[in-house]
Amino acid sequence: MTQFIYSPVATEKSMLLMEKENKLTFVIDRKASRNQIKKEVEERFDVKVVSVNILVSKRGKKAIVSLAEGYSAEDVGGRIGIF
C-alpha cells in the first residue's frame, strides 16, 4: 500500500483546530486525493473521518481531517507524538 501521509503538522493553528474543532492536520503527497487520505487516516489511526479539506501551496500539500463525533483528535495526536 502506498502511503500518502508524510507527517502531522504541529503549529499553533493546527493545535487550536485539534482542541476546538476535533481536526488533525497532515503534510501529504502532492498526488493524494481526498478519498485516499480519508481511507489512510481511518485505517492507520482507527477513527471515523467526516471530511477532508486540502490546502495546496508552494511549500507542499496539507490535509485537514475532521473526525466524527465520539473520536478525539487529541487522543490521536497523543498517540502519534504531536504533544
PDB file of N, CA and C in Angstrom:
ATOM      1  N   MET A   1       0.835  -1.184   0.000  1.00  0.00           N
ATOM      2  CA  MET A   1       0.000   0.000   0.000  1.00  0.00           C
ATOM      3  C   MET A   1       0.883   1.252   0.000  1.00  0.00           C
ATOM      4  N   THR A   2       0.537   2.192  -0.819  1.00  0.00           N
ATOM      5  CA  THR A   2       1.256   3.452  -0.891  1.00  0.00           C
ATOM      6  C   THR A   2       0.838   4.339   0.270  1.00  0.00           C
ATOM      7  N   GLN A   3       1.812   4.993   0.886  1.00  0.00           N
ATOM      8  CA  GLN A   3       1.493   5.927   1.963  1.00  0.00           C
ATOM      9  C   GLN A   3       1.415   7.333   1.396  1.00  0.00           C
ATOM     10  N   PHE A   4       0.328   8.022   1.696  1.00  0.00           N
ATOM     11  CA  PHE A   4       0.121   9.382   1.219  1.00  0.00           C
ATOM     12  C   PHE A   4       0.363  10.411   2.313  1.00  0.00           C
ATOM     13  N   ILE A   5       0.310   9.989   3.583  1.00  0.00           N
ATOM     14  CA  ILE A   5       0.529  10.901   4.704  1.00  0.00           C
ATOM     15  C   ILE A   5       1.995  10.843   5.093  1.00  0.00           C
ATOM     16  N   TYR A   6       2.655  12.011   5.081  1.00  0.00           N
ATOM     17  CA  TYR A   6       4.070  12.064   5.447  1.00  0.00           C
ATOM     18  C   TYR A   6       4.270  12.309   6.933  1.00  0.00           C
ATOM     19  N   SER A   7       3.626  13.361   7.473  1.00  0.00           N
ATOM     20  CA  SER A   7       3.826  13.690   8.882  1.00  0.00           C
ATOM     21  C   SER A   7       2.688  14.583   9.387  1.00  0.00           C
ATOM     22  N   PRO A   8       2.471  14.601  10.703  1.00  0.00           N
ATOM     23  CA  PRO A   8       1.492  15.534  11.265  1.00  0.00           C
ATOM     24  C   PRO A   8       2.084  16.938  11.315  1.00  0.00           C
ATOM     25  N   VAL A   9       1.212  17.932  11.322  1.00  0.00           N
ATOM     26  CA  VAL A   9       1.636  19.322  11.433  1.00  0.00           C
ATOM     27  C   VAL A   9       1.367  19.765  12.869  1.00  0.00           C
ATOM     28  N   ALA A  10       2.385  20.330  13.528  1.00  0.00           N
ATOM     29  CA  ALA A  10       2.252  20.749  14.927  1.00  0.00           C
ATOM     30  C   ALA A  10       2.533  22.237  15.062  1.00  0.00           C
ATOM     31  N   THR A  11       1.652  23.046  14.479  1.00  0.00           N
ATOM     32  CA  THR A  11       1.756  24.501  14.621  1.00  0.00           C
ATOM     33  C   THR A  11       0.704  24.969  15.628  1.00  0.00           C
ATOM     34  N   GLU A  12       0.789  26.220  15.997  1.00  0.00           N
ATOM     35  CA  GLU A  12      -0.181  26.767  16.939  1.00  0.00           C
ATOM     36  C   GLU A  12      -1.601  26.678  16.375  1.00  0.00           C
ATOM     37  N   LYS A  13      -1.746  26.985  15.101  1.00  0.00           N
ATOM     38  CA  LYS A  13      -3.062  26.931  14.463  1.00  0.00           C
ATOM     39  C   LYS A  13      -3.598  25.498  14.417  1.00  0.00           C
ATOM     40  N   SER A  14      -2.746  24.541  14.069  1.00  0.00           N
ATOM     41  CA  SER A  14      -3.206  23.149  13.998  1.00  0.00           C
ATOM     42  C   SER A  14      -3.579  22.621  15.385  1.00  0.00           C
ATOM     43  N   MET A  15      -2.888  23.080  16.420  1.00  0.00           N
ATOM     44  CA  MET A  15      -3.222  22.670  17.784  1.00  0.00           C
ATOM     45  C   MET A  15      -4.588  23.226  18.199  1.00  0.00           C
ATOM     46  N   LEU A  16      -4.886  24.468  17.815  1.00  0.00           N
ATOM     47  CA  LEU A  16      -6.198  25.048  18.109  1.00  0.00           C
ATOM     48  C   LEU A  16      -7.301  24.286  17.390  1.00  0.00           C
ATOM     49  N   LEU A  17      -7.061  23.926  16.122  1.00  0.00           N
ATOM     50  CA  LEU A  17      -8.035  23.129  15.376  1.00  0.00           C
ATOM     51  C   LEU A  17      -8.271  21.787  16.064  1.00  0.00           C
ATOM     52  N   MET A  18      -7.214  21.198  16.569  1.00  0.00           N
ATOM     53  CA  MET A  18      -7.315  19.910  17.239  1.00  0.00           C
ATOM     54  C   MET A  18      -8.172  20.024  18.504  1.00  0.00           C
ATOM     55  N   GLU A  19      -7.922  21.046  19.297  1.00  0.00           N
ATOM     56  CA  GLU A  19      -8.621  21.211  20.571  1.00  0.00           C
ATOM     57  C   GLU A  19     -10.070  21.655  20.397  1.00  0.00           C
ATOM     58  N   LYS A  20     -10.294  22.643  19.546  1.00  0.00           N
ATOM     59  CA  LYS A  20     -11.610  23.259  19.457  1.00  0.00           C
ATOM     60  C   LYS A  20     -12.541  22.616  18.432  1.00  0.00           C
ATOM     61  N   GLU A  21     -11.975  22.106  17.321  1.00  0.00           N
ATOM     62  CA  GLU A  21     -12.823  21.615  16.238  1.00  0.00           C
ATOM     63  C   GLU A  21     -12.645  20.131  15.931  1.00  0.00           C
ATOM     64  N   ASN A  22     -11.829  19.424  16.721  1.00  0.00           N
ATOM     65  CA  ASN A  22     -11.616  17.984  16.545  1.00  0.00           C
ATOM     66  C   ASN A  22     -11.069  17.650  15.150  1.00  0.00           C
ATOM     67  N   LYS A  23     -10.032  18.404  14.731  1.00  0.00           N
ATOM     68  CA  LYS A  23      -9.432  18.217  13.412  1.00  0.00           C
ATOM     69  C   LYS A  23      -7.936  17.954  13.542  1.00  0.00           C
ATOM     70  N   LEU A  24      -7.426  17.135  12.627  1.00  0.00           N
ATOM     71  CA  LEU A  24      -5.989  16.841  12.550  1.00  0.00           C
ATOM     72  C   LEU A  24      -5.448  17.395  11.247  1.00  0.00           C
ATOM     73  N   THR A  25      -4.188  17.830  11.249  1.00  0.00           N
ATOM     74  CA  THR A  25      -3.555  18.375  10.056  1.00  0.00           C
ATOM     75  C   THR A  25      -2.316  17.553   9.716  1.00  0.00           C
ATOM     76  N   PHE A  26      -2.182  17.189   8.432  1.00  0.00           N
ATOM     77  CA  PHE A  26      -1.065  16.377   7.974  1.00  0.00           C
ATOM     78  C   PHE A  26      -0.429  16.965   6.719  1.00  0.00           C
ATOM     79  N   VAL A  27       0.888  16.761   6.565  1.00  0.00           N
ATOM     80  CA  VAL A  27       1.568  17.026   5.304  1.00  0.00           C
ATOM     81  C   VAL A  27       1.367  15.765   4.473  1.00  0.00           C
ATOM     82  N   ILE A  28       0.903  15.941   3.219  1.00  0.00           N
ATOM     83  CA  ILE A  28       0.560  14.787   2.390  1.00  0.00           C
ATOM     84  C   ILE A  28       1.267  14.838   1.035  1.00  0.00           C
ATOM     85  N   ASP A  29       1.210  13.730   0.329  1.00  0.00           N
ATOM     86  CA  ASP A  29       1.764  13.612  -1.015  1.00  0.00           C
ATOM     87  C   ASP A  29       0.990  14.525  -1.965  1.00  0.00           C
ATOM     88  N   ARG A  30       1.686  15.147  -2.901  1.00  0.00           N
ATOM     89  CA  ARG A  30       1.035  16.048  -3.859  1.00  0.00           C
ATOM     90  C   ARG A  30       0.015  15.348  -4.750  1.00  0.00           C
ATOM     91  N   LYS A  31       0.167  14.053  -4.947  1.00  0.00           N
ATOM     92  CA  LYS A  31      -0.737  13.305  -5.832  1.00  0.00           C
ATOM     93  C   LYS A  31      -1.922  12.697  -5.091  1.00  0.00           C
ATOM     94  N   ALA A  32      -1.986  12.869  -3.785  1.00  0.00           N
ATOM     95  CA  ALA A  32      -3.032  12.230  -2.976  1.00  0.00           C
ATOM     96  C   ALA A  32      -4.381  12.919  -3.159  1.00  0.00           C
ATOM     97  N   SER A  33      -5.437  12.115  -3.179  1.00  0.00           N
ATOM     98  CA  SER A  33      -6.800  12.649  -3.282  1.00  0.00           C
ATOM     99  C   SER A  33      -7.467  12.618  -1.904  1.00  0.00           C
ATOM    100  N   ARG A  34      -8.616  13.251  -1.799  1.00  0.00           N
ATOM    101  CA  ARG A  34      -9.359  13.275  -0.534  1.00  0.00           C
ATOM    102  C   ARG A  34      -9.722  11.861  -0.076  1.00  0.00           C
ATOM    103  N   ASN A  35     -10.192  11.048  -1.012  1.00  0.00           N
ATOM    104  CA  ASN A  35     -10.603   9.685  -0.663  1.00  0.00           C
ATOM    105  C   ASN A  35      -9.423   8.847  -0.173  1.00  0.00           C
ATOM    106  N   GLN A  36      -8.270   9.007  -0.797  1.00  0.00           N
ATOM    107  CA  GLN A  36      -7.082   8.264  -0.376  1.00  0.00           C
ATOM    108  C   GLN A  36      -6.658   8.672   1.034  1.00  0.00           C
ATOM    109  N   ILE A  37      -6.707   9.966   1.319  1.00  0.00           N
ATOM    110  CA  ILE A  37      -6.341  10.467   2.647  1.00  0.00           C
ATOM    111  C   ILE A  37      -7.337   9.956   3.686  1.00  0.00           C
ATOM    112  N   LYS A  38      -8.619  10.045   3.374  1.00  0.00           N
ATOM    113  CA  LYS A  38      -9.658   9.575   4.302  1.00  0.00           C
ATOM    114  C   LYS A  38      -9.451   8.100   4.630  1.00  0.00           C
ATOM    115  N   LYS A  39      -9.234   7.292   3.623  1.00  0.00           N
ATOM    116  CA  LYS A  39      -9.056   5.851   3.819  1.00  0.00           C
ATOM    117  C   LYS A  39      -7.814   5.565   4.668  1.00  0.00           C
ATOM    118  N   GLU A  40      -6.703   6.253   4.372  1.00  0.00           N
ATOM    119  CA  GLU A  40      -5.465   6.012   5.116  1.00  0.00           C
ATOM    120  C   GLU A  40      -5.587   6.430   6.580  1.00  0.00           C
ATOM    121  N   VAL A  41      -6.208   7.579   6.850  1.00  0.00           N
ATOM    122  CA  VAL A  41      -6.378   8.037   8.238  1.00  0.00           C
ATOM    123  C   VAL A  41      -7.254   7.057   9.011  1.00  0.00           C
ATOM    124  N   GLU A  42      -8.353   6.606   8.391  1.00  0.00           N
ATOM    125  CA  GLU A  42      -9.246   5.664   9.070  1.00  0.00           C
ATOM    126  C   GLU A  42      -8.538   4.345   9.383  1.00  0.00           C
ATOM    127  N   GLU A  43      -7.744   3.841   8.447  1.00  0.00           N
ATOM    128  CA  GLU A  43      -7.042   2.574   8.661  1.00  0.00           C
ATOM    129  C   GLU A  43      -5.888   2.720   9.653  1.00  0.00           C
ATOM    130  N   ARG A  44      -5.105   3.771   9.500  1.00  0.00           N
ATOM    131  CA  ARG A  44      -3.895   3.926  10.311  1.00  0.00           C
ATOM    132  C   ARG A  44      -4.193   4.272  11.766  1.00  0.00           C
ATOM    133  N   PHE A  45      -5.214   5.113  12.006  1.00  0.00           N
ATOM    134  CA  PHE A  45      -5.480   5.599  13.361  1.00  0.00           C
ATOM    135  C   PHE A  45      -6.761   5.043  13.977  1.00  0.00           C
ATOM    136  N   ASP A  46      -7.482   4.178  13.264  1.00  0.00           N
ATOM    137  CA  ASP A  46      -8.694   3.526  13.763  1.00  0.00           C
ATOM    138  C   ASP A  46      -9.726   4.555  14.235  1.00  0.00           C
ATOM    139  N   VAL A  47     -10.038   5.522  13.360  1.00  0.00           N
ATOM    140  CA  VAL A  47     -11.036   6.558  13.638  1.00  0.00           C
ATOM    141  C   VAL A  47     -11.985   6.652  12.448  1.00  0.00           C
ATOM    142  N   LYS A  48     -13.076   7.402  12.620  1.00  0.00           N
ATOM    143  CA  LYS A  48     -14.023   7.663  11.536  1.00  0.00           C
ATOM    144  C   LYS A  48     -13.845   9.101  11.078  1.00  0.00           C
ATOM    145  N   VAL A  49     -13.640   9.312   9.786  1.00  0.00           N
ATOM    146  CA  VAL A  49     -13.408  10.640   9.226  1.00  0.00           C
ATOM    147  C   VAL A  49     -14.704  11.176   8.623  1.00  0.00           C
ATOM    148  N   VAL A  50     -15.037  12.437   8.953  1.00  0.00           N
ATOM    149  CA  VAL A  50     -16.227  13.087   8.414  1.00  0.00           C
ATOM    150  C   VAL A  50     -15.896  13.778   7.099  1.00  0.00           C
ATOM    151  N   SER A  51     -14.803  14.556   7.078  1.00  0.00           N
ATOM    152  CA  SER A  51     -14.428  15.273   5.862  1.00  0.00           C
ATOM    153  C   SER A  51     -12.934  15.513   5.807  1.00  0.00           C
ATOM    154  N   VAL A  52     -12.459  15.799   4.585  1.00  0.00           N
ATOM    155  CA  VAL A  52     -11.041  16.110   4.360  1.00  0.00           C
ATOM    156  C   VAL A  52     -10.969  17.370   3.515  1.00  0.00           C
ATOM    157  N   ASN A  53     -10.293  18.386   4.029  1.00  0.00           N
ATOM    158  CA  ASN A  53     -10.026  19.607   3.266  1.00  0.00           C
ATOM    159  C   ASN A  53      -8.549  19.615   2.903  1.00  0.00           C
ATOM    160  N   ILE A  54      -8.253  20.049   1.669  1.00  0.00           N
ATOM    161  CA  ILE A  54      -6.868  20.028   1.194  1.00  0.00           C
ATOM    162  C   ILE A  54      -6.413  21.442   0.870  1.00  0.00           C
ATOM    163  N   LEU A  55      -5.194  21.778   1.331  1.00  0.00           N
ATOM    164  CA  LEU A  55      -4.572  23.069   1.052  1.00  0.00           C
ATOM    165  C   LEU A  55      -3.312  22.828   0.222  1.00  0.00           C
ATOM    166  N   VAL A  56      -3.183  23.552  -0.882  1.00  0.00           N
ATOM    167  CA  VAL A  56      -2.002  23.413  -1.725  1.00  0.00           C
ATOM    168  C   VAL A  56      -1.271  24.746  -1.742  1.00  0.00           C
ATOM    169  N   SER A  57       0.037  24.706  -1.481  1.00  0.00           N
ATOM    170  CA  SER A  57       0.852  25.912  -1.521  1.00  0.00           C
ATOM    171  C   SER A  57       2.173  25.603  -2.210  1.00  0.00           C
ATOM    172  N   LYS A  58       3.029  26.603  -2.298  1.00  0.00           N
ATOM    173  CA  LYS A  58       4.354  26.392  -2.888  1.00  0.00           C
ATOM    174  C   LYS A  58       5.172  25.406  -2.062  1.00  0.00           C
ATOM    175  N   ARG A  59       4.943  25.386  -0.760  1.00  0.00           N
ATOM    176  CA  ARG A  59       5.693  24.516   0.140  1.00  0.00           C
ATOM    177  C   ARG A  59       5.248  23.061   0.076  1.00  0.00           C
ATOM    178  N   GLY A  60       4.042  22.797  -0.384  1.00  0.00           N
ATOM    179  CA  GLY A  60       3.538  21.431  -0.433  1.00  0.00           C
ATOM    180  C   GLY A  60       2.037  21.369  -0.273  1.00  0.00           C
ATOM    181  N   LYS A  61       1.568  20.229   0.129  1.00  0.00           N
ATOM    182  CA  LYS A  61       0.137  19.983   0.240  1.00  0.00           C
ATOM    183  C   LYS A  61      -0.184  19.504   1.652  1.00  0.00           C
ATOM    184  N   LYS A  62      -1.254  20.057   2.239  1.00  0.00           N
ATOM    185  CA  LYS A  62      -1.681  19.669   3.583  1.00  0.00           C
ATOM    186  C   LYS A  62      -3.131  19.220   3.544  1.00  0.00           C
ATOM    187  N   ALA A  63      -3.475  18.315   4.440  1.00  0.00           N
ATOM    188  CA  ALA A  63      -4.856  17.869   4.595  1.00  0.00           C
ATOM    189  C   ALA A  63      -5.314  18.174   6.011  1.00  0.00           C
ATOM    190  N   ILE A  64      -6.506  18.773   6.114  1.00  0.00           N
ATOM    191  CA  ILE A  64      -7.138  18.992   7.413  1.00  0.00           C
ATOM    192  C   ILE A  64      -8.287  17.998   7.495  1.00  0.00           C
ATOM    193  N   VAL A  65      -8.182  17.073   8.446  1.00  0.00           N
ATOM    194  CA  VAL A  65      -9.110  15.950   8.552  1.00  0.00           C
ATOM    195  C   VAL A  65     -10.028  16.152   9.756  1.00  0.00           C
ATOM    196  N   SER A  66     -11.348  16.180   9.499  1.00  0.00           N
ATOM    197  CA  SER A  66     -12.333  16.306  10.582  1.00  0.00           C
ATOM    198  C   SER A  66     -12.754  14.917  11.028  1.00  0.00           C
ATOM    199  N   LEU A  67     -12.667  14.668  12.335  1.00  0.00           N
ATOM    200  CA  LEU A  67     -13.048  13.375  12.879  1.00  0.00           C
ATOM    201  C   LEU A  67     -14.512  13.377  13.308  1.00  0.00           C
ATOM    202  N   ALA A  68     -15.119  12.200  13.270  1.00  0.00           N
ATOM    203  CA  ALA A  68     -16.524  12.052  13.640  1.00  0.00           C
ATOM    204  C   ALA A  68     -16.716  12.240  15.140  1.00  0.00           C
ATOM    205  N   GLU A  69     -17.956  12.498  15.522  1.00  0.00           N
ATOM    206  CA  GLU A  69     -18.350  12.609  16.925  1.00  0.00           C
ATOM    207  C   GLU A  69     -17.980  11.304  17.630  1.00  0.00           C
ATOM    208  N   GLY A  70     -17.404  11.409  18.795  1.00  0.00           N
ATOM    209  CA  GLY A  70     -17.031  10.212  19.537  1.00  0.00           C
ATOM    210  C   GLY A  70     -15.562   9.821  19.385  1.00  0.00           C
ATOM    211  N   TYR A  71     -14.868  10.453  18.450  1.00  0.00           N
ATOM    212  CA  TYR A  71     -13.432  10.220  18.269  1.00  0.00           C
ATOM    213  C   TYR A  71     -12.706  11.509  18.649  1.00  0.00           C
ATOM    214  N   SER A  72     -11.580  11.373  19.305  1.00  0.00           N
ATOM    215  CA  SER A  72     -10.867  12.544  19.800  1.00  0.00           C
ATOM    216  C   SER A  72      -9.580  12.780  19.021  1.00  0.00           C
ATOM    217  N   ALA A  73      -9.468  13.975  18.430  1.00  0.00           N
ATOM    218  CA  ALA A  73      -8.248  14.349  17.714  1.00  0.00           C
ATOM    219  C   ALA A  73      -7.079  14.461  18.689  1.00  0.00           C
ATOM    220  N   GLU A  74      -7.357  14.872  19.924  1.00  0.00           N
ATOM    221  CA  GLU A  74      -6.295  14.986  20.935  1.00  0.00           C
ATOM    222  C   GLU A  74      -5.722  13.613  21.290  1.00  0.00           C
ATOM    223  N   ASP A  75      -6.575  12.596  21.382  1.00  0.00           N
ATOM    224  CA  ASP A  75      -6.094  11.239  21.663  1.00  0.00           C
ATOM    225  C   ASP A  75      -5.194  10.737  20.534  1.00  0.00           C
ATOM    226  N   VAL A  76      -5.634  10.946  19.290  1.00  0.00           N
ATOM    227  CA  VAL A  76      -4.830  10.527  18.134  1.00  0.00           C
ATOM    228  C   VAL A  76      -3.521  11.301  18.108  1.00  0.00           C
ATOM    229  N   GLY A  77      -3.579  12.604  18.371  1.00  0.00           N
ATOM    230  CA  GLY A  77      -2.373  13.429  18.422  1.00  0.00           C
ATOM    231  C   GLY A  77      -1.382  12.932  19.468  1.00  0.00           C
ATOM    232  N   GLY A  78      -1.896  12.520  20.612  1.00  0.00           N
ATOM    233  CA  GLY A  78      -1.034  11.975  21.659  1.00  0.00           C
ATOM    234  C   GLY A  78      -0.390  10.659  21.234  1.00  0.00           C
ATOM    235  N   ARG A  79      -1.140   9.820  20.525  1.00  0.00           N
ATOM    236  CA  ARG A  79      -0.598   8.532  20.067  1.00  0.00           C
ATOM    237  C   ARG A  79       0.487   8.698  19.029  1.00  0.00           C
ATOM    238  N   ILE A  80       0.357   9.717  18.159  1.00  0.00           N
ATOM    239  CA  ILE A  80       1.355   9.886  17.086  1.00  0.00           C
ATOM    240  C   ILE A  80       2.478  10.839  17.463  1.00  0.00           C
ATOM    241  N   GLY A  81       2.415  11.397  18.668  1.00  0.00           N
ATOM    242  CA  GLY A  81       3.533  12.182  19.171  1.00  0.00           C
ATOM    243  C   GLY A  81       3.548  13.651  18.855  1.00  0.00           C
ATOM    244  N   ILE A  82       2.368  14.258  18.696  1.00  0.00           N
ATOM    245  CA  ILE A  82       2.321  15.700  18.439  1.00  0.00           C
ATOM    246  C   ILE A  82       2.622  16.477  19.718  1.00  0.00           C
ATOM    247  N   PHE A  83       2.146  15.979  20.860  1.00  0.00           N
ATOM    248  CA  PHE A  83       2.337  16.697  22.123  1.00  0.00           C
ATOM    249  C   PHE A  83       3.692  16.497  22.688  1.00  0.00           C
TER     250      PHE A  83
END
